[in-house]
Amino acid sequence: MPVAPQNSPLVIKFAHNVRKFRLARGVSQEALAEAAGLHRTYIGMIERAEKNITLYNIERIAIALDVAPATLLS
């Protein structure tokens, strides 16, 4: 049975970690989006756990935040 992204513990954890690392680095959603090659509104949706993100985009965000992709999922 499909689970909505906002009801998935892993999506919620990822969303929390993206926001935590972004804020710790003093980076805006817009700056993170630009560094990752994504749209600003997409970053907002990720941080609110509204999107089921692809592995490719997890990698792009991790690189932009200078962390390992696994760090954003744990």
PDB file of N, CA and C in Angstrom:
ATOM      1  N   MET A   1       0.843  -1.172   0.000  1.00  0.00           N
ATOM      2  CA  MET A   1       0.000   0.000   0.000  1.00  0.00           C
ATOM      3  C   MET A   1       0.895   1.244   0.000  1.00  0.00           C
ATOM      4  N   PRO A   2       0.676   2.180  -0.926  1.00  0.00           N
ATOM      5  CA  PRO A   2       1.513   3.381  -1.009  1.00  0.00           C
ATOM      6  C   PRO A   2       1.368   4.258   0.234  1.00  0.00           C
ATOM      7  N   VAL A   3       2.473   4.899   0.590  1.00  0.00           N
ATOM      8  CA  VAL A   3       2.497   5.812   1.735  1.00  0.00           C
ATOM      9  C   VAL A   3       2.801   7.206   1.196  1.00  0.00           C
ATOM     10  N   ALA A   4       2.034   8.177   1.602  1.00  0.00           N
ATOM     11  CA  ALA A   4       2.296   9.559   1.194  1.00  0.00           C
ATOM     12  C   ALA A   4       3.640   9.997   1.762  1.00  0.00           C
ATOM     13  N   PRO A   5       4.401  10.799   1.020  1.00  0.00           N
ATOM     14  CA  PRO A   5       5.730  11.202   1.504  1.00  0.00           C
ATOM     15  C   PRO A   5       5.715  11.772   2.923  1.00  0.00           C
ATOM     16  N   GLN A   6       4.723  12.613   3.235  1.00  0.00           N
ATOM     17  CA  GLN A   6       4.684  13.234   4.560  1.00  0.00           C
ATOM     18  C   GLN A   6       4.364  12.241   5.682  1.00  0.00           C
ATOM     19  N   ASN A   7       4.030  10.996   5.322  1.00  0.00           N
ATOM     20  CA  ASN A   7       3.771   9.955   6.316  1.00  0.00           C
ATOM     21  C   ASN A   7       4.894   8.923   6.382  1.00  0.00           C
ATOM     22  N   SER A   8       5.941   9.148   5.635  1.00  0.00           N
ATOM     23  CA  SER A   8       7.075   8.222   5.611  1.00  0.00           C
ATOM     24  C   SER A   8       8.155   8.694   6.584  1.00  0.00           C
ATOM     25  N   PRO A   9       8.508   7.866   7.574  1.00  0.00           N
ATOM     26  CA  PRO A   9       9.542   8.271   8.527  1.00  0.00           C
ATOM     27  C   PRO A   9      10.875   8.636   7.861  1.00  0.00           C
ATOM     28  N   LEU A  10      11.245   7.933   6.794  1.00  0.00           N
ATOM     29  CA  LEU A  10      12.509   8.222   6.122  1.00  0.00           C
ATOM     30  C   LEU A  10      12.455   9.566   5.395  1.00  0.00           C
ATOM     31  N   VAL A  11      11.347   9.870   4.759  1.00  0.00           N
ATOM     32  CA  VAL A  11      11.192  11.158   4.074  1.00  0.00           C
ATOM     33  C   VAL A  11      11.206  12.287   5.097  1.00  0.00           C
ATOM     34  N   ILE A  12      10.549  12.092   6.216  1.00  0.00           N
ATOM     35  CA  ILE A  12      10.522  13.097   7.281  1.00  0.00           C
ATOM     36  C   ILE A  12      11.922  13.323   7.840  1.00  0.00           C
ATOM     37  N   LYS A  13      12.665  12.248   8.064  1.00  0.00           N
ATOM     38  CA  LYS A  13      14.036  12.357   8.575  1.00  0.00           C
ATOM     39  C   LYS A  13      14.918  13.098   7.578  1.00  0.00           C
ATOM     40  N   PHE A  14      14.794  12.747   6.294  1.00  0.00           N
ATOM     41  CA  PHE A  14      15.571  13.425   5.257  1.00  0.00           C
ATOM     42  C   PHE A  14      15.242  14.921   5.245  1.00  0.00           C
ATOM     43  N   ALA A  15      13.964  15.245   5.288  1.00  0.00           N
ATOM     44  CA  ALA A  15      13.526  16.642   5.282  1.00  0.00           C
ATOM     45  C   ALA A  15      14.130  17.409   6.451  1.00  0.00           C
ATOM     46  N   HIS A  16      14.080  16.813   7.627  1.00  0.00           N
ATOM     47  CA  HIS A  16      14.643  17.438   8.826  1.00  0.00           C
ATOM     48  C   HIS A  16      16.144  17.671   8.667  1.00  0.00           C
ATOM     49  N   ASN A  17      16.852  16.669   8.156  1.00  0.00           N
ATOM     50  CA  ASN A  17      18.305  16.781   8.016  1.00  0.00           C
ATOM     51  C   ASN A  17      18.714  17.809   6.970  1.00  0.00           C
ATOM     52  N   VAL A  18      17.998  17.877   5.861  1.00  0.00           N
ATOM     53  CA  VAL A  18      18.316  18.891   4.851  1.00  0.00           C
ATOM     54  C   VAL A  18      18.190  20.278   5.471  1.00  0.00           C
ATOM     55  N   ARG A  19      17.099  20.517   6.158  1.00  0.00           N
ATOM     56  CA  ARG A  19      16.892  21.826   6.785  1.00  0.00           C
ATOM     57  C   ARG A  19      17.959  22.098   7.847  1.00  0.00           C
ATOM     58  N   LYS A  20      18.258  21.094   8.670  1.00  0.00           N
ATOM     59  CA  LYS A  20      19.254  21.259   9.741  1.00  0.00           C
ATOM     60  C   LYS A  20      20.622  21.631   9.166  1.00  0.00           C
ATOM     61  N   PHE A  21      21.080  20.897   8.160  1.00  0.00           N
ATOM     62  CA  PHE A  21      22.395  21.178   7.577  1.00  0.00           C
ATOM     63  C   PHE A  21      22.397  22.498   6.801  1.00  0.00           C
ATOM     64  N   ARG A  22      21.299  22.813   6.144  1.00  0.00           N
ATOM     65  CA  ARG A  22      21.214  24.076   5.412  1.00  0.00           C
ATOM     66  C   ARG A  22      21.318  25.255   6.371  1.00  0.00           C
ATOM     67  N   LEU A  23      20.558  25.196   7.462  1.00  0.00           N
ATOM     68  CA  LEU A  23      20.587  26.285   8.441  1.00  0.00           C
ATOM     69  C   LEU A  23      21.930  26.367   9.154  1.00  0.00           C
ATOM     70  N   ALA A  24      22.535  25.221   9.453  1.00  0.00           N
ATOM     71  CA  ALA A  24      23.841  25.206  10.115  1.00  0.00           C
ATOM     72  C   ALA A  24      24.908  25.878   9.252  1.00  0.00           C
ATOM     73  N   ARG A  25      24.720  25.820   7.957  1.00  0.00           N
ATOM     74  CA  ARG A  25      25.674  26.440   7.032  1.00  0.00           C
ATOM     75  C   ARG A  25      25.274  27.870   6.668  1.00  0.00           C
ATOM     76  N   GLY A  26      24.150  28.321   7.196  1.00  0.00           N
ATOM     77  CA  GLY A  26      23.701  29.685   6.931  1.00  0.00           C
ATOM     78  C   GLY A  26      23.316  29.922   5.482  1.00  0.00           C
ATOM     79  N   VAL A  27      22.734  28.904   4.863  1.00  0.00           N
ATOM     80  CA  VAL A  27      22.385  28.957   3.447  1.00  0.00           C
ATOM     81  C   VAL A  27      20.865  29.057   3.305  1.00  0.00           C
ATOM     82  N   SER A  28      20.418  29.916   2.410  1.00  0.00           N
ATOM     83  CA  SER A  28      18.987  30.022   2.140  1.00  0.00           C
ATOM     84  C   SER A  28      18.531  28.863   1.259  1.00  0.00           C
ATOM     85  N   GLN A  29      17.221  28.646   1.217  1.00  0.00           N
ATOM     86  CA  GLN A  29      16.686  27.630   0.311  1.00  0.00           C
ATOM     87  C   GLN A  29      17.058  27.963  -1.128  1.00  0.00           C
ATOM     88  N   GLU A  30      17.022  29.216  -1.469  1.00  0.00           N
ATOM     89  CA  GLU A  30      17.353  29.638  -2.826  1.00  0.00           C
ATOM     90  C   GLU A  30      18.813  29.331  -3.163  1.00  0.00           C
ATOM     91  N   ALA A  31      19.717  29.616  -2.226  1.00  0.00           N
ATOM     92  CA  ALA A  31      21.141  29.344  -2.463  1.00  0.00           C
ATOM     93  C   ALA A  31      21.407  27.839  -2.556  1.00  0.00           C
ATOM     94  N   LEU A  32      20.749  27.069  -1.710  1.00  0.00           N
ATOM     95  CA  LEU A  32      20.903  25.612  -1.780  1.00  0.00           C
ATOM     96  C   LEU A  32      20.381  25.092  -3.107  1.00  0.00           C
ATOM     97  N   ALA A  33      19.231  25.580  -3.523  1.00  0.00           N
ATOM     98  CA  ALA A  33      18.648  25.151  -4.793  1.00  0.00           C
ATOM     99  C   ALA A  33      19.588  25.460  -5.947  1.00  0.00           C
ATOM    100  N   GLU A  34      20.149  26.648  -5.949  1.00  0.00           N
ATOM    101  CA  GLU A  34      21.072  27.028  -7.019  1.00  0.00           C
ATOM    102  C   GLU A  34      22.313  26.134  -7.020  1.00  0.00           C
ATOM    103  N   ALA A  35      22.866  25.880  -5.838  1.00  0.00           N
ATOM    104  CA  ALA A  35      24.067  25.036  -5.741  1.00  0.00           C
ATOM    105  C   ALA A  35      23.791  23.601  -6.183  1.00  0.00           C
ATOM    106  N   ALA A  36      22.576  23.132  -5.935  1.00  0.00           N
ATOM    107  CA  ALA A  36      22.212  21.754  -6.289  1.00  0.00           C
ATOM    108  C   ALA A  36      21.618  21.645  -7.687  1.00  0.00           C
ATOM    109  N   GLY A  37      21.370  22.774  -8.334  1.00  0.00           N
ATOM    110  CA  GLY A  37      20.764  22.749  -9.653  1.00  0.00           C
ATOM    111  C   GLY A  37      19.294  22.379  -9.624  1.00  0.00           C
ATOM    112  N   LEU A  38      18.618  22.792  -8.561  1.00  0.00           N
ATOM    113  CA  LEU A  38      17.197  22.494  -8.378  1.00  0.00           C
ATOM    114  C   LEU A  38      16.430  23.799  -8.214  1.00  0.00           C
ATOM    115  N   HIS A  39      15.113  23.732  -8.208  1.00  0.00           N
ATOM    116  CA  HIS A  39      14.282  24.919  -8.036  1.00  0.00           C
ATOM    117  C   HIS A  39      14.066  25.190  -6.549  1.00  0.00           C
ATOM    118  N   ARG A  40      14.005  26.463  -6.195  1.00  0.00           N
ATOM    119  CA  ARG A  40      13.821  26.867  -4.794  1.00  0.00           C
ATOM    120  C   ARG A  40      12.555  26.266  -4.185  1.00  0.00           C
ATOM    121  N   THR A  41      11.467  26.261  -4.934  1.00  0.00           N
ATOM    122  CA  THR A  41      10.229  25.715  -4.380  1.00  0.00           C
ATOM    123  C   THR A  41      10.341  24.210  -4.141  1.00  0.00           C
ATOM    124  N   TYR A  42      11.150  23.532  -4.941  1.00  0.00           N
ATOM    125  CA  TYR A  42      11.369  22.097  -4.756  1.00  0.00           C
ATOM    126  C   TYR A  42      12.095  21.838  -3.435  1.00  0.00           C
ATOM    127  N   ILE A  43      13.076  22.675  -3.106  1.00  0.00           N
ATOM    128  CA  ILE A  43      13.783  22.544  -1.824  1.00  0.00           C
ATOM    129  C   ILE A  43      12.799  22.739  -0.676  1.00  0.00           C
ATOM    130  N   GLY A  44      11.926  23.718  -0.778  1.00  0.00           N
ATOM    131  CA  GLY A  44      10.910  23.948   0.256  1.00  0.00           C
ATOM    132  C   GLY A  44      10.002  22.742   0.423  1.00  0.00           C
ATOM    133  N   MET A  45       9.595  22.164  -0.692  1.00  0.00           N
ATOM    134  CA  MET A  45       8.727  20.980  -0.627  1.00  0.00           C
ATOM    135  C   MET A  45       9.459  19.793  -0.014  1.00  0.00           C
ATOM    136  N   ILE A  46      10.740  19.674  -0.292  1.00  0.00           N
ATOM    137  CA  ILE A  46      11.540  18.600   0.306  1.00  0.00           C
ATOM    138  C   ILE A  46      11.621  18.804   1.815  1.00  0.00           C
ATOM    139  N   GLU A  47      11.894  20.031   2.234  1.00  0.00           N
ATOM    140  CA  GLU A  47      12.021  20.319   3.665  1.00  0.00           C
ATOM    141  C   GLU A  47      10.699  20.157   4.409  1.00  0.00           C
ATOM    142  N   ARG A  48       9.589  20.231   3.721  1.00  0.00           N
ATOM    143  CA  ARG A  48       8.279  20.004   4.344  1.00  0.00           C
ATOM    144  C   ARG A  48       7.812  18.559   4.157  1.00  0.00           C
ATOM    145  N   ALA A  49       8.690  17.720   3.614  1.00  0.00           N
ATOM    146  CA  ALA A  49       8.398  16.288   3.384  1.00  0.00           C
ATOM    147  C   ALA A  49       7.196  16.098   2.462  1.00  0.00           C
ATOM    148  N   GLU A  50       7.084  16.958   1.474  1.00  0.00           N
ATOM    149  CA  GLU A  50       5.979  16.867   0.528  1.00  0.00           C
ATOM    150  C   GLU A  50       6.355  16.122  -0.751  1.00  0.00           C
ATOM    151  N   LYS A  51       7.632  15.871  -0.947  1.00  0.00           N
ATOM    152  CA  LYS A  51       8.107  15.227  -2.170  1.00  0.00           C
ATOM    153  C   LYS A  51       8.849  13.933  -1.847  1.00  0.00           C
ATOM    154  N   ASN A  52       8.645  12.954  -2.692  1.00  0.00           N
ATOM    155  CA  ASN A  52       9.406  11.715  -2.635  1.00  0.00           C
ATOM    156  C   ASN A  52      10.593  11.909  -3.573  1.00  0.00           C
ATOM    157  N   ILE A  53      11.733  12.217  -3.025  1.00  0.00           N
ATOM    158  CA  ILE A  53      12.902  12.639  -3.789  1.00  0.00           C
ATOM    159  C   ILE A  53      13.630  11.446  -4.416  1.00  0.00           C
ATOM    160  N   THR A  54      14.251  11.684  -5.560  1.00  0.00           N
ATOM    161  CA  THR A  54      15.016  10.624  -6.226  1.00  0.00           C
ATOM    162  C   THR A  54      16.424  10.531  -5.634  1.00  0.00           C
ATOM    163  N   LEU A  55      17.063   9.403  -5.847  1.00  0.00           N
ATOM    164  CA  LEU A  55      18.450   9.226  -5.393  1.00  0.00           C
ATOM    165  C   LEU A  55      19.371  10.261  -6.032  1.00  0.00           C
ATOM    166  N   TYR A  56      19.129  10.546  -7.294  1.00  0.00           N
ATOM    167  CA  TYR A  56      19.944  11.535  -8.007  1.00  0.00           C
ATOM    168  C   TYR A  56      19.866  12.900  -7.315  1.00  0.00           C
ATOM    169  N   ASN A  57      18.676  13.310  -6.923  1.00  0.00           N
ATOM    170  CA  ASN A  57      18.527  14.609  -6.263  1.00  0.00           C
ATOM    171  C   ASN A  57      19.039  14.584  -4.825  1.00  0.00           C
ATOM    172  N   ILE A  58      18.970  13.445  -4.168  1.00  0.00           N
ATOM    173  CA  ILE A  58      19.590  13.317  -2.840  1.00  0.00           C
ATOM    174  C   ILE A  58      21.082  13.581  -2.974  1.00  0.00           C
ATOM    175  N   GLU A  59      21.686  12.987  -3.981  1.00  0.00           N
ATOM    176  CA  GLU A  59      23.127  13.181  -4.207  1.00  0.00           C
ATOM    177  C   GLU A  59      23.440  14.646  -4.502  1.00  0.00           C
ATOM    178  N   ARG A  60      22.641  15.284  -5.323  1.00  0.00           N
ATOM    179  CA  ARG A  60      22.873  16.688  -5.674  1.00  0.00           C
ATOM    180  C   ARG A  60      22.786  17.595  -4.443  1.00  0.00           C
ATOM    181  N   ILE A  61      21.807  17.345  -3.584  1.00  0.00           N
ATOM    182  CA  ILE A  61      21.667  18.143  -2.358  1.00  0.00           C
ATOM    183  C   ILE A  61      22.821  17.861  -1.406  1.00  0.00           C
ATOM    184  N   ALA A  62      23.198  16.611  -1.266  1.00  0.00           N
ATOM    185  CA  ALA A  62      24.314  16.249  -0.391  1.00  0.00           C
ATOM    186  C   ALA A  62      25.602  16.940  -0.835  1.00  0.00           C
ATOM    187  N   ILE A  63      25.866  16.934  -2.118  1.00  0.00           N
ATOM    188  CA  ILE A  63      27.065  17.604  -2.633  1.00  0.00           C
ATOM    189  C   ILE A  63      26.996  19.100  -2.330  1.00  0.00           C
ATOM    190  N   ALA A  64      25.850  19.704  -2.546  1.00  0.00           N
ATOM    191  CA  ALA A  64      25.683  21.138  -2.286  1.00  0.00           C
ATOM    192  C   ALA A  64      25.865  21.470  -0.808  1.00  0.00           C
ATOM    193  N   LEU A  65      25.492  20.540   0.071  1.00  0.00           N
ATOM    194  CA  LEU A  65      25.641  20.743   1.518  1.00  0.00           C
ATOM    195  C   LEU A  65      26.976  20.236   2.044  1.00  0.00           C
ATOM    196  N   ASP A  66      27.759  19.611   1.167  1.00  0.00           N
ATOM    197  CA  ASP A  66      29.066  19.057   1.528  1.00  0.00           C
ATOM    198  C   ASP A  66      28.959  18.002   2.636  1.00  0.00           C
ATOM    199  N   VAL A  67      28.000  17.090   2.461  1.00  0.00           N
ATOM    200  CA  VAL A  67      27.844  15.957   3.373  1.00  0.00           C
ATOM    201  C   VAL A  67      27.657  14.688   2.538  1.00  0.00           C
ATOM    202  N   ALA A  68      27.843  13.549   3.156  1.00  0.00           N
ATOM    203  CA  ALA A  68      27.584  12.281   2.477  1.00  0.00           C
ATOM    204  C   ALA A  68      26.079  12.097   2.345  1.00  0.00           C
ATOM    205  N   PRO A  69      25.627  11.546   1.235  1.00  0.00           N
ATOM    206  CA  PRO A  69      24.185  11.302   1.087  1.00  0.00           C
ATOM    207  C   PRO A  69      23.598  10.511   2.251  1.00  0.00           C
ATOM    208  N   ALA A  70      24.333   9.545   2.756  1.00  0.00           N
ATOM    209  CA  ALA A  70      23.836   8.719   3.868  1.00  0.00           C
ATOM    210  C   ALA A  70      23.592   9.557   5.120  1.00  0.00           C
ATOM    211  N   THR A  71      24.343  10.625   5.282  1.00  0.00           N
ATOM    212  CA  THR A  71      24.167  11.508   6.439  1.00  0.00           C
ATOM    213  C   THR A  71      22.783  12.139   6.441  1.00  0.00           C
ATOM    214  N   LEU A  72      22.275  12.439   5.263  1.00  0.00           N
ATOM    215  CA  LEU A  72      20.960  13.068   5.176  1.00  0.00           C
ATOM    216  C   LEU A  72      19.827  12.066   5.432  1.00  0.00           C
ATOM    217  N   LEU A  73      20.148  10.772   5.362  1.00  0.00           N
ATOM    218  CA  LEU A  73      19.125   9.733   5.550  1.00  0.00           C
ATOM    219  C   LEU A  73      19.186   9.090   6.928  1.00  0.00           C
ATOM    220  N   SER A  74      20.188   9.455   7.723  1.00  0.00           N
ATOM    221  CA  SER A  74      20.311   8.779   9.032  1.00  0.00           C
ATOM    222  C   SER A  74      19.990   9.711  10.179  1.00  0.00           C
TER     223      SER A  74
END
